[in-house]
């Protein structure tokens, strides 16, 4: 079995793509191939199926087909040392904020480098 994800620039999100399987919207993402692969697994497609991606209107795919399970394990990350790299996917874990962090900015305080602290009217403009 071979699956092809078709992507188009998202009309409602800058720098993101809508990923489709036929007429089914899989996801809207900056990384539509890998995020789309994870959505296909959630929908019950076989992990051993080959998957690739193509931009709508192009005659050629953007990736060499790989197994769906393998694509679902990957993502793309960027950092200052390596630039863009394919890496193992780790689900986003929001950091827990403790009460001290949540209340560190008190009303009326002026953060370092702040002209007004955001609480005073700016005059002289």
PDB file of N, CA and C in Angstrom:
ATOM      1  N   UNK A   1       0.838  -1.178   0.000  1.00  0.00           N
ATOM      2  CA  UNK A   1       0.000   0.000   0.000  1.00  0.00           C
ATOM      3  C   UNK A   1       0.883   1.241   0.000  1.00  0.00           C
ATOM      4  N   UNK A   2       0.516   2.230  -0.798  1.00  0.00           N
ATOM      5  CA  UNK A   2       1.256   3.484  -0.888  1.00  0.00           C
ATOM      6  C   UNK A   2       0.307   4.651  -0.623  1.00  0.00           C
ATOM      7  N   UNK A   3       0.741   5.581   0.208  1.00  0.00           N
ATOM      8  CA  UNK A   3      -0.069   6.735   0.607  1.00  0.00           C
ATOM      9  C   UNK A   3       0.661   8.005   0.189  1.00  0.00           C
ATOM     10  N   UNK A   4      -0.082   8.954  -0.369  1.00  0.00           N
ATOM     11  CA  UNK A   4       0.526  10.224  -0.744  1.00  0.00           C
ATOM     12  C   UNK A   4      -0.204  11.377  -0.057  1.00  0.00           C
ATOM     13  N   UNK A   5       0.541  12.124   0.746  1.00  0.00           N
ATOM     14  CA  UNK A   5       0.027  13.322   1.401  1.00  0.00           C
ATOM     15  C   UNK A   5       0.216  14.485   0.429  1.00  0.00           C
ATOM     16  N   UNK A   6      -0.848  15.238   0.196  1.00  0.00           N
ATOM     17  CA  UNK A   6      -0.780  16.420  -0.669  1.00  0.00           C
ATOM     18  C   UNK A   6      -0.833  17.645   0.224  1.00  0.00           C
ATOM     19  N   UNK A   7       0.088  18.588   0.013  1.00  0.00           N
ATOM     20  CA  UNK A   7       0.089  19.784   0.849  1.00  0.00           C
ATOM     21  C   UNK A   7      -0.135  21.041   0.010  1.00  0.00           C
ATOM     22  N   UNK A   8      -0.768  22.010   0.652  1.00  0.00           N
ATOM     23  CA  UNK A   8      -0.954  23.340   0.060  1.00  0.00           C
ATOM     24  C   UNK A   8      -0.668  24.362   1.154  1.00  0.00           C
ATOM     25  N   UNK A   9      -0.174  25.558   0.795  1.00  0.00           N
ATOM     26  CA  UNK A   9       0.015  26.592   1.818  1.00  0.00           C
ATOM     27  C   UNK A   9      -1.327  26.879   2.497  1.00  0.00           C
ATOM     28  N   UNK A  10      -1.306  26.973   3.806  1.00  0.00           N
ATOM     29  CA  UNK A  10      -2.538  27.218   4.545  1.00  0.00           C
ATOM     30  C   UNK A  10      -2.993  28.656   4.323  1.00  0.00           C
ATOM     31  N   UNK A  11      -4.251  28.850   3.917  1.00  0.00           N
ATOM     32  CA  UNK A  11      -4.734  30.213   3.705  1.00  0.00           C
ATOM     33  C   UNK A  11      -4.936  30.967   5.013  1.00  0.00           C
ATOM     34  N   UNK A  12      -5.025  30.260   6.133  1.00  0.00           N
ATOM     35  CA  UNK A  12      -5.303  30.935   7.403  1.00  0.00           C
ATOM     36  C   UNK A  12      -4.124  30.970   8.371  1.00  0.00           C
ATOM     37  N   UNK A  13      -3.006  30.338   8.014  1.00  0.00           N
ATOM     38  CA  UNK A  13      -1.843  30.312   8.903  1.00  0.00           C
ATOM     39  C   UNK A  13      -0.574  30.576   8.105  1.00  0.00           C
ATOM     40  N   UNK A  14       0.152  31.613   8.459  1.00  0.00           N
ATOM     41  CA  UNK A  14       1.408  31.911   7.776  1.00  0.00           C
ATOM     42  C   UNK A  14       2.434  30.823   8.062  1.00  0.00           C
ATOM     43  N   UNK A  15       3.226  30.485   7.069  1.00  0.00           N
ATOM     44  CA  UNK A  15       4.324  29.521   7.163  1.00  0.00           C
ATOM     45  C   UNK A  15       3.872  28.126   7.582  1.00  0.00           C
ATOM     46  N   UNK A  16       2.624  27.789   7.300  1.00  0.00           N
ATOM     47  CA  UNK A  16       2.112  26.453   7.593  1.00  0.00           C
ATOM     48  C   UNK A  16       1.439  25.897   6.349  1.00  0.00           C
ATOM     49  N   UNK A  17       1.315  24.591   6.349  1.00  0.00           N
ATOM     50  CA  UNK A  17       0.701  23.901   5.219  1.00  0.00           C
ATOM     51  C   UNK A  17      -0.486  23.070   5.705  1.00  0.00           C
ATOM     52  N   UNK A  18      -1.493  22.984   4.861  1.00  0.00           N
ATOM     53  CA  UNK A  18      -2.592  22.052   5.084  1.00  0.00           C
ATOM     54  C   UNK A  18      -2.203  20.750   4.397  1.00  0.00           C
ATOM     55  N   UNK A  19      -2.246  19.658   5.135  1.00  0.00           N
ATOM     56  CA  UNK A  19      -1.884  18.337   4.601  1.00  0.00           C
ATOM     57  C   UNK A  19      -3.149  17.522   4.412  1.00  0.00           C
ATOM     58  N   UNK A  20      -3.337  17.006   3.206  1.00  0.00           N
ATOM     59  CA  UNK A  20      -4.543  16.257   2.856  1.00  0.00           C
ATOM     60  C   UNK A  20      -4.207  14.842   2.423  1.00  0.00           C
ATOM     61  N   UNK A  21      -5.129  13.947   2.722  1.00  0.00           N
ATOM     62  CA  UNK A  21      -5.170  12.633   2.106  1.00  0.00           C
ATOM     63  C   UNK A  21      -6.494  12.617   1.352  1.00  0.00           C
ATOM     64  N   UNK A  22      -6.430  12.740   0.045  1.00  0.00           N
ATOM     65  CA  UNK A  22      -7.650  12.919  -0.750  1.00  0.00           C
ATOM     66  C   UNK A  22      -8.290  14.238  -0.371  1.00  0.00           C
ATOM     67  N   UNK A  23      -9.530  14.192   0.112  1.00  0.00           N
ATOM     68  CA  UNK A  23     -10.217  15.413   0.539  1.00  0.00           C
ATOM     69  C   UNK A  23     -10.219  15.573   2.054  1.00  0.00           C
ATOM     70  N   UNK A  24      -9.552  14.658   2.766  1.00  0.00           N
ATOM     71  CA  UNK A  24      -9.499  14.704   4.228  1.00  0.00           C
ATOM     72  C   UNK A  24      -8.320  15.537   4.693  1.00  0.00           C
ATOM     73  N   UNK A  25      -8.607  16.595   5.460  1.00  0.00           N
ATOM     74  CA  UNK A  25      -7.550  17.408   6.046  1.00  0.00           C
ATOM     75  C   UNK A  25      -6.946  16.641   7.219  1.00  0.00           C
ATOM     76  N   UNK A  26      -5.662  16.323   7.110  1.00  0.00           N
ATOM     77  CA  UNK A  26      -4.978  15.595   8.181  1.00  0.00           C
ATOM     78  C   UNK A  26      -4.507  16.532   9.273  1.00  0.00           C
ATOM     79  N   UNK A  27      -3.896  17.658   8.861  1.00  0.00           N
ATOM     80  CA  UNK A  27      -3.356  18.603   9.833  1.00  0.00           C
ATOM     81  C   UNK A  27      -2.971  19.899   9.121  1.00  0.00           C
ATOM     82  N   UNK A  28      -2.753  20.923   9.906  1.00  0.00           N
ATOM     83  CA  UNK A  28      -2.161  22.173   9.446  1.00  0.00           C
ATOM     84  C   UNK A  28      -0.880  22.312  10.246  1.00  0.00           C
ATOM     85  N   UNK A  29       0.255  22.400   9.558  1.00  0.00           N
ATOM     86  CA  UNK A  29       1.519  22.265  10.257  1.00  0.00           C
ATOM     87  C   UNK A  29       2.661  22.921   9.501  1.00  0.00           C
ATOM     88  N   UNK A  30       3.729  23.236  10.227  1.00  0.00           N
ATOM     89  CA  UNK A  30       4.985  23.664   9.605  1.00  0.00           C
ATOM     90  C   UNK A  30       5.774  22.453   9.114  1.00  0.00           C
ATOM     91  N   UNK A  31       5.434  21.279   9.630  1.00  0.00           N
ATOM     92  CA  UNK A  31       6.116  20.035   9.277  1.00  0.00           C
ATOM     93  C   UNK A  31       5.052  19.037   8.824  1.00  0.00           C
ATOM     94  N   UNK A  32       4.400  19.278   7.684  1.00  0.00           N
ATOM     95  CA  UNK A  32       3.215  18.493   7.321  1.00  0.00           C
ATOM     96  C   UNK A  32       3.484  17.026   7.023  1.00  0.00           C
ATOM     97  N   UNK A  33       4.669  16.679   6.535  1.00  0.00           N
ATOM     98  CA  UNK A  33       4.938  15.276   6.222  1.00  0.00           C
ATOM     99  C   UNK A  33       4.939  14.418   7.482  1.00  0.00           C
ATOM    100  N   UNK A  34       5.742  14.807   8.458  1.00  0.00           N
ATOM    101  CA  UNK A  34       5.868  14.009   9.677  1.00  0.00           C
ATOM    102  C   UNK A  34       4.616  14.107  10.545  1.00  0.00           C
ATOM    103  N   UNK A  35       4.053  15.309  10.675  1.00  0.00           N
ATOM    104  CA  UNK A  35       2.814  15.446  11.452  1.00  0.00           C
ATOM    105  C   UNK A  35       1.666  14.712  10.758  1.00  0.00           C
ATOM    106  N   UNK A  36       1.613  14.767   9.445  1.00  0.00           N
ATOM    107  CA  UNK A  36       0.599  14.040   8.692  1.00  0.00           C
ATOM    108  C   UNK A  36       0.731  12.539   8.870  1.00  0.00           C
ATOM    109  N   UNK A  37       1.969  12.043   8.930  1.00  0.00           N
ATOM    110  CA  UNK A  37       2.194  10.609   9.147  1.00  0.00           C
ATOM    111  C   UNK A  37       1.639  10.177  10.501  1.00  0.00           C
ATOM    112  N   UNK A  38       1.845  10.985  11.523  1.00  0.00           N
ATOM    113  CA  UNK A  38       1.300  10.650  12.840  1.00  0.00           C
ATOM    114  C   UNK A  38      -0.229  10.627  12.814  1.00  0.00           C
ATOM    115  N   UNK A  39      -0.820  11.558  12.068  1.00  0.00           N
ATOM    116  CA  UNK A  39      -2.285  11.578  11.959  1.00  0.00           C
ATOM    117  C   UNK A  39      -2.796  10.345  11.206  1.00  0.00           C
ATOM    118  N   UNK A  40      -2.082   9.915  10.186  1.00  0.00           N
ATOM    119  CA  UNK A  40      -2.492   8.721   9.451  1.00  0.00           C
ATOM    120  C   UNK A  40      -2.480   7.483  10.345  1.00  0.00           C
ATOM    121  N   UNK A  41      -1.477   7.368  11.213  1.00  0.00           N
ATOM    122  CA  UNK A  41      -1.447   6.242  12.154  1.00  0.00           C
ATOM    123  C   UNK A  41      -2.645   6.301  13.099  1.00  0.00           C
ATOM    124  N   UNK A  42      -2.981   7.514  13.567  1.00  0.00           N
ATOM    125  CA  UNK A  42      -4.140   7.660  14.452  1.00  0.00           C
ATOM    126  C   UNK A  42      -5.433   7.233  13.752  1.00  0.00           C
ATOM    127  N   UNK A  43      -5.487   7.449  12.429  1.00  0.00           N
ATOM    128  CA  UNK A  43      -6.672   7.072  11.662  1.00  0.00           C
ATOM    129  C   UNK A  43      -6.715   5.579  11.344  1.00  0.00           C
ATOM    130  N   UNK A  44      -5.653   4.859  11.705  1.00  0.00           N
ATOM    131  CA  UNK A  44      -5.658   3.407  11.536  1.00  0.00           C
ATOM    132  C   UNK A  44      -4.977   2.884  10.293  1.00  0.00           C
ATOM    133  N   UNK A  45      -4.233   3.711   9.582  1.00  0.00           N
ATOM    134  CA  UNK A  45      -3.513   3.215   8.408  1.00  0.00           C
ATOM    135  C   UNK A  45      -2.382   2.300   8.858  1.00  0.00           C
ATOM    136  N   UNK A  46      -2.052   1.292   8.057  1.00  0.00           N
ATOM    137  CA  UNK A  46      -1.038   0.315   8.476  1.00  0.00           C
ATOM    138  C   UNK A  46       0.356   0.940   8.582  1.00  0.00           C
ATOM    139  N   UNK A  47       1.063   0.649   9.671  1.00  0.00           N
ATOM    140  CA  UNK A  47       2.397   1.218   9.892  1.00  0.00           C
ATOM    141  C   UNK A  47       3.395   0.865   8.792  1.00  0.00           C
ATOM    142  N   UNK A  48       3.195  -0.274   8.117  1.00  0.00           N
ATOM    143  CA  UNK A  48       4.153  -0.696   7.077  1.00  0.00           C
ATOM    144  C   UNK A  48       3.862  -0.067   5.715  1.00  0.00           C
ATOM    145  N   UNK A  49       2.767   0.692   5.590  1.00  0.00           N
ATOM    146  CA  UNK A  49       2.440   1.347   4.315  1.00  0.00           C
ATOM    147  C   UNK A  49       3.509   2.382   3.975  1.00  0.00           C
ATOM    148  N   UNK A  50       3.810   2.514   2.695  1.00  0.00           N
ATOM    149  CA  UNK A  50       4.765   3.529   2.257  1.00  0.00           C
ATOM    150  C   UNK A  50       4.036   4.861   2.123  1.00  0.00           C
ATOM    151  N   UNK A  51       4.701   5.929   2.563  1.00  0.00           N
ATOM    152  CA  UNK A  51       4.102   7.267   2.510  1.00  0.00           C
ATOM    153  C   UNK A  51       5.100   8.230   1.885  1.00  0.00           C
ATOM    154  N   UNK A  52       4.570   9.139   1.077  1.00  0.00           N
ATOM    155  CA  UNK A  52       5.377  10.247   0.573  1.00  0.00           C
ATOM    156  C   UNK A  52       4.510  11.498   0.571  1.00  0.00           C
ATOM    157  N   UNK A  53       5.074  12.616   0.157  1.00  0.00           N
ATOM    158  CA  UNK A  53       4.362  13.883   0.161  1.00  0.00           C
ATOM    159  C   UNK A  53       4.624  14.604  -1.154  1.00  0.00           C
ATOM    160  N   UNK A  54       3.614  15.345  -1.590  1.00  0.00           N
ATOM    161  CA  UNK A  54       3.752  16.119  -2.815  1.00  0.00           C
ATOM    162  C   UNK A  54       3.037  17.450  -2.616  1.00  0.00           C
ATOM    163  N   UNK A  55       3.651  18.512  -3.145  1.00  0.00           N
ATOM    164  CA  UNK A  55       2.982  19.816  -3.175  1.00  0.00           C
ATOM    165  C   UNK A  55       1.913  19.755  -4.258  1.00  0.00           C
ATOM    166  N   UNK A  56       0.717  20.253  -3.965  1.00  0.00           N
ATOM    167  CA  UNK A  56      -0.366  20.233  -4.951  1.00  0.00           C
ATOM    168  C   UNK A  56       0.090  20.952  -6.224  1.00  0.00           C
ATOM    169  N   UNK A  57      -0.174  20.334  -7.354  1.00  0.00           N
ATOM    170  CA  UNK A  57       0.190  20.898  -8.648  1.00  0.00           C
ATOM    171  C   UNK A  57       1.551  20.457  -9.160  1.00  0.00           C
ATOM    172  N   UNK A  58       2.351  19.818  -8.331  1.00  0.00           N
ATOM    173  CA  UNK A  58       3.663  19.322  -8.752  1.00  0.00           C
ATOM    174  C   UNK A  58       3.534  17.878  -9.229  1.00  0.00           C
ATOM    175  N   UNK A  59       4.340  17.533 -10.214  1.00  0.00           N
ATOM    176  CA  UNK A  59       4.281  16.189 -10.792  1.00  0.00           C
ATOM    177  C   UNK A  59       5.168  15.191 -10.052  1.00  0.00           C
ATOM    178  N   UNK A  60       5.976  15.667  -9.132  1.00  0.00           N
ATOM    179  CA  UNK A  60       6.942  14.801  -8.463  1.00  0.00           C
ATOM    180  C   UNK A  60       6.789  14.918  -6.942  1.00  0.00           C
ATOM    181  N   UNK A  61       7.117  13.853  -6.211  1.00  0.00           N
ATOM    182  CA  UNK A  61       7.018  13.892  -4.748  1.00  0.00           C
ATOM    183  C   UNK A  61       8.180  14.663  -4.131  1.00  0.00           C
ATOM    184  N   UNK A  62       7.986  15.083  -2.893  1.00  0.00           N
ATOM    185  CA  UNK A  62       9.015  15.825  -2.161  1.00  0.00           C
ATOM    186  C   UNK A  62       9.942  14.908  -1.371  1.00  0.00           C
ATOM    187  N   UNK A  63       9.519  13.665  -1.127  1.00  0.00           N
ATOM    188  CA  UNK A  63      10.303  12.720  -0.336  1.00  0.00           C
ATOM    189  C   UNK A  63      10.392  11.388  -1.066  1.00  0.00           C
ATOM    190  N   UNK A  64      11.424  10.632  -0.730  1.00  0.00           N
ATOM    191  CA  UNK A  64      11.486   9.236  -1.141  1.00  0.00           C
ATOM    192  C   UNK A  64      10.518   8.510  -0.215  1.00  0.00           C
ATOM    193  N   UNK A  65       9.638   7.664  -0.723  1.00  0.00           N
ATOM    194  CA  UNK A  65       8.677   6.992   0.153  1.00  0.00           C
ATOM    195  C   UNK A  65       9.370   6.195   1.255  1.00  0.00           C
ATOM    196  N   UNK A  66       8.822   6.303   2.465  1.00  0.00           N
ATOM    197  CA  UNK A  66       9.313   5.520   3.599  1.00  0.00           C
ATOM    198  C   UNK A  66       8.099   4.927   4.310  1.00  0.00           C
ATOM    199  N   UNK A  67       8.344   3.981   5.202  1.00  0.00           N
ATOM    200  CA  UNK A  67       7.248   3.378   5.946  1.00  0.00           C
ATOM    201  C   UNK A  67       6.595   4.413   6.853  1.00  0.00           C
ATOM    202  N   UNK A  68       5.293   4.330   6.941  1.00  0.00           N
ATOM    203  CA  UNK A  68       4.508   5.259   7.739  1.00  0.00           C
ATOM    204  C   UNK A  68       4.985   5.301   9.188  1.00  0.00           C
ATOM    205  N   UNK A  69       5.240   4.144   9.782  1.00  0.00           N
ATOM    206  CA  UNK A  69       5.697   4.096  11.176  1.00  0.00           C
ATOM    207  C   UNK A  69       7.012   4.829  11.353  1.00  0.00           C
ATOM    208  N   UNK A  70       7.909   4.710  10.368  1.00  0.00           N
ATOM    209  CA  UNK A  70       9.198   5.387  10.461  1.00  0.00           C
ATOM    210  C   UNK A  70       9.018   6.895  10.357  1.00  0.00           C
ATOM    211  N   UNK A  71       8.186   7.366   9.424  1.00  0.00           N
ATOM    212  CA  UNK A  71       7.950   8.804   9.261  1.00  0.00           C
ATOM    213  C   UNK A  71       7.305   9.387  10.514  1.00  0.00           C
ATOM    214  N   UNK A  72       6.421   8.643  11.146  1.00  0.00           N
ATOM    215  CA  UNK A  72       5.722   9.125  12.334  1.00  0.00           C
ATOM    216  C   UNK A  72       6.654   9.301  13.524  1.00  0.00           C
ATOM    217  N   UNK A  73       7.810   8.662  13.504  1.00  0.00           N
ATOM    218  CA  UNK A  73       8.772   8.774  14.602  1.00  0.00           C
ATOM    219  C   UNK A  73       9.690   9.980  14.462  1.00  0.00           C
ATOM    220  N   UNK A  74       9.573  10.723  13.350  1.00  0.00           N
ATOM    221  CA  UNK A  74      10.520  11.792  13.063  1.00  0.00           C
ATOM    222  C   UNK A  74       9.866  13.169  13.070  1.00  0.00           C
ATOM    223  N   UNK A  75      10.699  14.182  13.186  1.00  0.00           N
ATOM    224  CA  UNK A  75      10.283  15.575  13.058  1.00  0.00           C
ATOM    225  C   UNK A  75      11.494  16.373  12.609  1.00  0.00           C
ATOM    226  N   UNK A  76      11.323  17.660  12.438  1.00  0.00           N
ATOM    227  CA  UNK A  76      12.418  18.551  12.051  1.00  0.00           C
ATOM    228  C   UNK A  76      12.590  19.583  13.157  1.00  0.00           C
ATOM    229  N   UNK A  77      13.809  19.799  13.579  1.00  0.00           N
ATOM    230  CA  UNK A  77      14.131  20.807  14.581  1.00  0.00           C
ATOM    231  C   UNK A  77      15.242  21.688  14.031  1.00  0.00           C
ATOM    232  N   UNK A  78      15.277  22.910  14.524  1.00  0.00           N
ATOM    233  CA  UNK A  78      16.313  23.855  14.109  1.00  0.00           C
ATOM    234  C   UNK A  78      16.978  24.421  15.351  1.00  0.00           C
ATOM    235  N   UNK A  79      18.311  24.519  15.296  1.00  0.00           N
ATOM    236  CA  UNK A  79      19.040  25.206  16.353  1.00  0.00           C
ATOM    237  C   UNK A  79      20.206  25.966  15.740  1.00  0.00           C
ATOM    238  N   UNK A  80      20.877  26.762  16.540  1.00  0.00           N
ATOM    239  CA  UNK A  80      21.956  27.618  16.033  1.00  0.00           C
ATOM    240  C   UNK A  80      23.182  26.835  15.586  1.00  0.00           C
ATOM    241  N   UNK A  81      23.460  25.699  16.231  1.00  0.00           N
ATOM    242  CA  UNK A  81      24.655  24.935  15.880  1.00  0.00           C
ATOM    243  C   UNK A  81      24.479  24.106  14.617  1.00  0.00           C
ATOM    244  N   UNK A  82      23.344  23.417  14.491  1.00  0.00           N
ATOM    245  CA  UNK A  82      23.154  22.455  13.411  1.00  0.00           C
ATOM    246  C   UNK A  82      22.250  22.926  12.288  1.00  0.00           C
ATOM    247  N   UNK A  83      21.487  23.987  12.497  1.00  0.00           N
ATOM    248  CA  UNK A  83      20.497  24.394  11.508  1.00  0.00           C
ATOM    249  C   UNK A  83      19.329  23.425  11.539  1.00  0.00           C
ATOM    250  N   UNK A  84      18.708  23.187  10.391  1.00  0.00           N
ATOM    251  CA  UNK A  84      17.581  22.256  10.309  1.00  0.00           C
ATOM    252  C   UNK A  84      18.089  20.820  10.276  1.00  0.00           C
ATOM    253  N   UNK A  85      17.507  19.974  11.114  1.00  0.00           N
ATOM    254  CA  UNK A  85      17.887  18.567  11.160  1.00  0.00           C
ATOM    255  C   UNK A  85      16.656  17.712  11.425  1.00  0.00           C
ATOM    256  N   UNK A  86      16.641  16.529  10.810  1.00  0.00           N
ATOM    257  CA  UNK A  86      15.609  15.547  11.106  1.00  0.00           C
ATOM    258  C   UNK A  86      16.001  14.876  12.416  1.00  0.00           C
ATOM    259  N   UNK A  87      15.032  14.818  13.328  1.00  0.00           N
ATOM    260  CA  UNK A  87      15.286  14.257  14.653  1.00  0.00           C
ATOM    261  C   UNK A  87      14.124  13.349  15.056  1.00  0.00           C
ATOM    262  N   UNK A  88      14.323  12.591  16.124  1.00  0.00           N
ATOM    263  CA  UNK A  88      13.242  11.786  16.672  1.00  0.00           C
ATOM    264  C   UNK A  88      12.177  12.713  17.249  1.00  0.00           C
ATOM    265  N   UNK A  89      10.923  12.357  17.021  1.00  0.00           N
ATOM    266  CA  UNK A  89       9.804  13.145  17.509  1.00  0.00           C
ATOM    267  C   UNK A  89       9.607  12.938  18.998  1.00  0.00           C
ATOM    268  N   UNK A  90       9.418  14.040  19.710  1.00  0.00           N
ATOM    269  CA  UNK A  90       9.052  13.996  21.122  1.00  0.00           C
ATOM    270  C   UNK A  90       7.805  14.846  21.269  1.00  0.00           C
ATOM    271  N   UNK A  91       6.728  14.285  21.785  1.00  0.00           N
ATOM    272  CA  UNK A  91       5.511  15.079  21.954  1.00  0.00           C
ATOM    273  C   UNK A  91       5.784  16.305  22.810  1.00  0.00           C
ATOM    274  N   UNK A  92       5.114  17.388  22.487  1.00  0.00           N
ATOM    275  CA  UNK A  92       5.287  18.642  23.217  1.00  0.00           C
ATOM    276  C   UNK A  92       4.794  18.475  24.640  1.00  0.00           C
ATOM    277  N   UNK A  93       5.639  18.812  25.579  1.00  0.00           N
ATOM    278  CA  UNK A  93       5.284  18.769  26.992  1.00  0.00           C
ATOM    279  C   UNK A  93       5.356  20.187  27.535  1.00  0.00           C
ATOM    280  N   UNK A  94       4.215  20.828  27.753  1.00  0.00           N
ATOM    281  CA  UNK A  94       4.280  22.189  28.289  1.00  0.00           C
ATOM    282  C   UNK A  94       4.958  22.180  29.651  1.00  0.00           C
ATOM    283  N   UNK A  95       5.820  23.164  29.845  1.00  0.00           N
ATOM    284  CA  UNK A  95       6.516  23.254  31.126  1.00  0.00           C
ATOM    285  C   UNK A  95       5.543  23.709  32.197  1.00  0.00           C
ATOM    286  N   UNK A  96       5.653  23.079  33.344  1.00  0.00           N
ATOM    287  CA  UNK A  96       4.817  23.493  34.457  1.00  0.00           C
ATOM    288  C   UNK A  96       5.423  24.742  35.079  1.00  0.00           C
ATOM    289  N   UNK A  97       4.566  25.699  35.337  1.00  0.00           N
ATOM    290  CA  UNK A  97       5.031  26.920  35.980  1.00  0.00           C
ATOM    291  C   UNK A  97       4.650  26.851  37.448  1.00  0.00           C
ATOM    292  N   UNK A  98       5.620  27.096  38.299  1.00  0.00           N
ATOM    293  CA  UNK A  98       5.282  27.105  39.715  1.00  0.00           C
ATOM    294  C   UNK A  98       4.733  28.485  40.092  1.00  0.00           C
ATOM    295  N   UNK A  99       4.174  28.595  41.253  1.00  0.00           N
ATOM    296  CA  UNK A  99       3.517  29.830  41.680  1.00  0.00           C
ATOM    297  C   UNK A  99       4.493  30.999  41.681  1.00  0.00           C
ATOM    298  N   UNK A 100       5.748  30.786  42.079  1.00  0.00           N
ATOM    299  CA  UNK A 100       6.722  31.872  42.105  1.00  0.00           C
ATOM    300  C   UNK A 100       6.980  32.420  40.706  1.00  0.00           C
ATOM    301  N   UNK A 101       7.079  31.526  39.704  1.00  0.00           N
ATOM    302  CA  UNK A 101       7.286  31.994  38.338  1.00  0.00           C
ATOM    303  C   UNK A 101       6.063  32.756  37.844  1.00  0.00           C
ATOM    304  N   UNK A 102       4.878  32.269  38.169  1.00  0.00           N
ATOM    305  CA  UNK A 102       3.658  32.894  37.685  1.00  0.00           C
ATOM    306  C   UNK A 102       3.441  34.260  38.302  1.00  0.00           C
ATOM    307  N   UNK A 103       3.949  34.491  39.497  1.00  0.00           N
ATOM    308  CA  UNK A 103       3.721  35.773  40.164  1.00  0.00           C
ATOM    309  C   UNK A 103       4.975  36.632  40.212  1.00  0.00           C
ATOM    310  N   UNK A 104       6.024  36.261  39.482  1.00  0.00           N
ATOM    311  CA  UNK A 104       7.274  37.016  39.524  1.00  0.00           C
ATOM    312  C   UNK A 104       7.096  38.434  39.013  1.00  0.00           C
ATOM    313  N   UNK A 105       6.230  38.647  38.049  1.00  0.00           N
ATOM    314  CA  UNK A 105       5.991  39.983  37.529  1.00  0.00           C
ATOM    315  C   UNK A 105       4.807  40.574  38.271  1.00  0.00           C
ATOM    316  N   UNK A 106       5.073  41.519  39.112  1.00  0.00           N
ATOM    317  CA  UNK A 106       4.026  42.166  39.889  1.00  0.00           C
ATOM    318  C   UNK A 106       3.531  43.400  39.156  1.00  0.00           C
ATOM    319  N   UNK A 107       2.262  43.695  39.302  1.00  0.00           N
ATOM    320  CA  UNK A 107       1.678  44.885  38.684  1.00  0.00           C
ATOM    321  C   UNK A 107       2.465  46.106  39.123  1.00  0.00           C
ATOM    322  N   UNK A 108       2.859  46.922  38.158  1.00  0.00           N
ATOM    323  CA  UNK A 108       3.582  48.155  38.453  1.00  0.00           C
ATOM    324  C   UNK A 108       5.083  47.988  38.490  1.00  0.00           C
ATOM    325  N   UNK A 109       5.596  46.767  38.405  1.00  0.00           N
ATOM    326  CA  UNK A 109       7.044  46.580  38.403  1.00  0.00           C
ATOM    327  C   UNK A 109       7.594  46.914  37.028  1.00  0.00           C
ATOM    328  N   UNK A 110       8.856  47.272  36.995  1.00  0.00           N
ATOM    329  CA  UNK A 110       9.497  47.611  35.728  1.00  0.00           C
ATOM    330  C   UNK A 110      10.567  46.583  35.423  1.00  0.00           C
ATOM    331  N   UNK A 111      10.342  45.720  34.421  1.00  0.00           N
ATOM    332  CA  UNK A 111      11.385  44.768  34.047  1.00  0.00           C
ATOM    333  C   UNK A 111      12.632  45.491  33.564  1.00  0.00           C
ATOM    334  N   UNK A 112      13.779  44.844  33.705  1.00  0.00           N
ATOM    335  CA  UNK A 112      15.033  45.427  33.243  1.00  0.00           C
ATOM    336  C   UNK A 112      14.923  45.805  31.779  1.00  0.00           C
ATOM    337  N   UNK A 113      15.370  46.996  31.443  1.00  0.00           N
ATOM    338  CA  UNK A 113      15.339  47.451  30.060  1.00  0.00           C
ATOM    339  C   UNK A 113      14.009  48.045  29.645  1.00  0.00           C
ATOM    340  N   UNK A 114      13.059  48.110  30.560  1.00  0.00           N
ATOM    341  CA  UNK A 114      11.741  48.628  30.236  1.00  0.00           C
ATOM    342  C   UNK A 114      11.710  50.133  30.422  1.00  0.00           C
ATOM    343  N   UNK A 115      11.089  50.816  29.505  1.00  0.00           N
ATOM    344  CA  UNK A 115      10.935  52.265  29.627  1.00  0.00           C
ATOM    345  C   UNK A 115       9.779  52.573  30.559  1.00  0.00           C
ATOM    346  N   UNK A 116       8.671  51.872  30.388  1.00  0.00           N
ATOM    347  CA  UNK A 116       7.477  52.161  31.184  1.00  0.00           C
ATOM    348  C   UNK A 116       7.023  50.975  32.010  1.00  0.00           C
ATOM    349  N   UNK A 117       7.527  49.810  31.775  1.00  0.00           N
ATOM    350  CA  UNK A 117       7.044  48.619  32.464  1.00  0.00           C
ATOM    351  C   UNK A 117       5.709  48.153  31.921  1.00  0.00           C
ATOM    352  N   UNK A 118       5.148  48.927  30.978  1.00  0.00           N
ATOM    353  CA  UNK A 118       3.909  48.528  30.347  1.00  0.00           C
ATOM    354  C   UNK A 118       2.665  48.962  31.099  1.00  0.00           C
ATOM    355  N   UNK A 119       2.839  49.624  32.245  1.00  0.00           N
ATOM    356  CA  UNK A 119       1.682  49.996  33.053  1.00  0.00           C
ATOM    357  C   UNK A 119       1.417  51.495  33.070  1.00  0.00           C
ATOM    358  N   UNK A 120       2.362  52.292  32.603  1.00  0.00           N
ATOM    359  CA  UNK A 120       2.201  53.734  32.637  1.00  0.00           C
ATOM    360  C   UNK A 120       1.890  54.246  31.228  1.00  0.00           C
ATOM    361  N   UNK A 121       1.259  55.379  31.168  1.00  0.00           N
ATOM    362  CA  UNK A 121       1.012  56.018  29.868  1.00  0.00           C
ATOM    363  C   UNK A 121       2.329  56.557  29.346  1.00  0.00           C
ATOM    364  N   UNK A 122       2.553  56.434  28.063  1.00  0.00           N
ATOM    365  CA  UNK A 122       3.765  56.942  27.440  1.00  0.00           C
ATOM    366  C   UNK A 122       3.481  58.373  27.021  1.00  0.00           C
ATOM    367  N   UNK A 123       4.308  59.308  27.466  1.00  0.00           N
ATOM    368  CA  UNK A 123       4.105  60.703  27.109  1.00  0.00           C
ATOM    369  C   UNK A 123       5.256  61.190  26.262  1.00  0.00           C
ATOM    370  N   UNK A 124       5.064  62.332  25.634  1.00  0.00           N
ATOM    371  CA  UNK A 124       6.120  62.943  24.830  1.00  0.00           C
ATOM    372  C   UNK A 124       6.233  62.367  23.462  1.00  0.00           C
ATOM    373  N   UNK A 125       5.219  61.686  22.998  1.00  0.00           N
ATOM    374  CA  UNK A 125       5.265  61.117  21.638  1.00  0.00           C
ATOM    375  C   UNK A 125       4.679  62.099  20.671  1.00  0.00           C
TER     376      UNK A 125
END
